[in-house]
Amino acid sequence: MKTLLRNFLKSESGAITVDWVVLTAAIIGLGLAAVASVHNSTNGLSERVGNAVAISTLGPPSE
């Protein structure tokens, strides 16, 4: 039993796993922040494009 506990305390694989989890969480957080920023910036643009399309007419002008 002492040998198992000693081996567990010596093992660094758990620390490496925690590092990877933290790095992955940071990357996901940065990605979500980037998507939110782009989404907020394009909302107004898509609304203006929609309004321009709504008032435009298709086909030749009527006489």
C-alpha atoms as a PDB file:
ATOM      1  CA  MET A   1       0.000   0.000   0.000  1.00  0.00           C
ATOM      2  CA  LYS A   2       2.880   2.376   0.781  1.00  0.00           C
ATOM      3  CA  THR A   3       4.388   1.625  -2.592  1.00  0.00           C
ATOM      4  CA  LEU A   4       1.165   2.539  -4.389  1.00  0.00           C
ATOM      5  CA  LEU A   5       0.877   5.807  -2.481  1.00  0.00           C
ATOM      6  CA  ARG A   6       4.530   6.655  -3.121  1.00  0.00           C
ATOM      7  CA  ASN A   7       4.143   5.950  -6.852  1.00  0.00           C
ATOM      8  CA  PHE A   8       0.978   8.039  -6.998  1.00  0.00           C
ATOM      9  CA  LEU A   9       2.658  11.022  -5.335  1.00  0.00           C
ATOM     10  CA  LYS A  10       5.709  10.750  -7.642  1.00  0.00           C
ATOM     11  CA  SER A  11       3.636  10.569 -10.803  1.00  0.00           C
ATOM     12  CA  GLU A  12       3.387  13.843 -12.717  1.00  0.00           C
ATOM     13  CA  SER A  13       0.833  12.742 -15.292  1.00  0.00           C
ATOM     14  CA  GLY A  14      -1.967  14.314 -13.261  1.00  0.00           C
ATOM     15  CA  ALA A  15      -0.235  17.704 -13.317  1.00  0.00           C
ATOM     16  CA  ILE A  16       0.218  17.487 -17.066  1.00  0.00           C
ATOM     17  CA  THR A  17      -3.470  16.688 -17.481  1.00  0.00           C
ATOM     18  CA  VAL A  18      -4.401  19.772 -15.462  1.00  0.00           C
ATOM     19  CA  ASP A  19      -2.131  21.894 -17.667  1.00  0.00           C
ATOM     20  CA  TRP A  20      -3.833  20.622 -20.799  1.00  0.00           C
ATOM     21  CA  VAL A  21      -7.283  21.230 -19.338  1.00  0.00           C
ATOM     22  CA  VAL A  22      -6.364  24.811 -18.456  1.00  0.00           C
ATOM     23  CA  LEU A  23      -4.862  25.435 -21.892  1.00  0.00           C
ATOM     24  CA  THR A  24      -7.904  23.973 -23.633  1.00  0.00           C
ATOM     25  CA  ALA A  25     -10.269  26.079 -21.526  1.00  0.00           C
ATOM     26  CA  ALA A  26      -8.272  29.209 -22.336  1.00  0.00           C
ATOM     27  CA  ILE A  27      -8.361  28.485 -26.070  1.00  0.00           C
ATOM     28  CA  ILE A  28     -12.104  27.843 -25.984  1.00  0.00           C
ATOM     29  CA  GLY A  29     -12.664  31.042 -23.996  1.00  0.00           C
ATOM     30  CA  LEU A  30     -10.676  33.100 -26.490  1.00  0.00           C
ATOM     31  CA  GLY A  31     -12.572  31.522 -29.374  1.00  0.00           C
ATOM     32  CA  LEU A  32     -15.928  32.337 -27.807  1.00  0.00           C
ATOM     33  CA  ALA A  33     -14.818  35.918 -27.164  1.00  0.00           C
ATOM     34  CA  ALA A  34     -13.792  36.275 -30.810  1.00  0.00           C
ATOM     35  CA  VAL A  35     -17.093  34.860 -32.072  1.00  0.00           C
ATOM     36  CA  ALA A  36     -19.070  37.178 -29.777  1.00  0.00           C
ATOM     37  CA  SER A  37     -17.091  40.178 -31.003  1.00  0.00           C
ATOM     38  CA  VAL A  38     -17.640  39.338 -34.667  1.00  0.00           C
ATOM     39  CA  HIS A  39     -21.321  38.620 -34.044  1.00  0.00           C
ATOM     40  CA  ASN A  40     -21.895  41.994 -32.383  1.00  0.00           C
ATOM     41  CA  SER A  41     -20.048  43.799 -35.170  1.00  0.00           C
ATOM     42  CA  THR A  42     -21.974  42.152 -37.982  1.00  0.00           C
ATOM     43  CA  ASN A  43     -25.455  42.544 -36.493  1.00  0.00           C
ATOM     44  CA  GLY A  44     -25.786  46.175 -37.593  1.00  0.00           C
ATOM     45  CA  LEU A  45     -24.299  45.454 -40.998  1.00  0.00           C
ATOM     46  CA  SER A  46     -26.730  42.633 -41.733  1.00  0.00           C
ATOM     47  CA  GLU A  47     -29.633  44.832 -40.658  1.00  0.00           C
ATOM     48  CA  ARG A  48     -28.561  47.616 -43.054  1.00  0.00           C
ATOM     49  CA  VAL A  49     -28.129  45.130 -45.911  1.00  0.00           C
ATOM     50  CA  GLY A  50     -31.574  43.671 -45.198  1.00  0.00           C
ATOM     51  CA  ASN A  51     -33.166  47.117 -45.265  1.00  0.00           C
ATOM     52  CA  ALA A  52     -31.427  47.949 -48.558  1.00  0.00           C
ATOM     53  CA  VAL A  53     -32.647  44.718 -50.132  1.00  0.00           C
ATOM     54  CA  ALA A  54     -36.182  45.257 -48.847  1.00  0.00           C
ATOM     55  CA  ILE A  55     -36.572  48.661 -50.536  1.00  0.00           C
ATOM     56  CA  SER A  56     -34.936  47.643 -53.823  1.00  0.00           C
ATOM     57  CA  THR A  57     -36.933  46.456 -56.823  1.00  0.00           C
ATOM     58  CA  LEU A  58     -36.060  43.750 -59.326  1.00  0.00           C
ATOM     59  CA  GLY A  59     -36.515  43.868 -63.050  1.00  0.00           C
ATOM     60  CA  PRO A  60     -36.630  46.708 -65.533  1.00  0.00           C
ATOM     61  CA  PRO A  61     -38.089  49.982 -64.372  1.00  0.00           C
ATOM     62  CA  SER A  62     -41.795  50.304 -65.143  1.00  0.00           C
ATOM     63  CA  GLU A  63     -42.909  53.084 -67.453  1.00  0.00           C
END
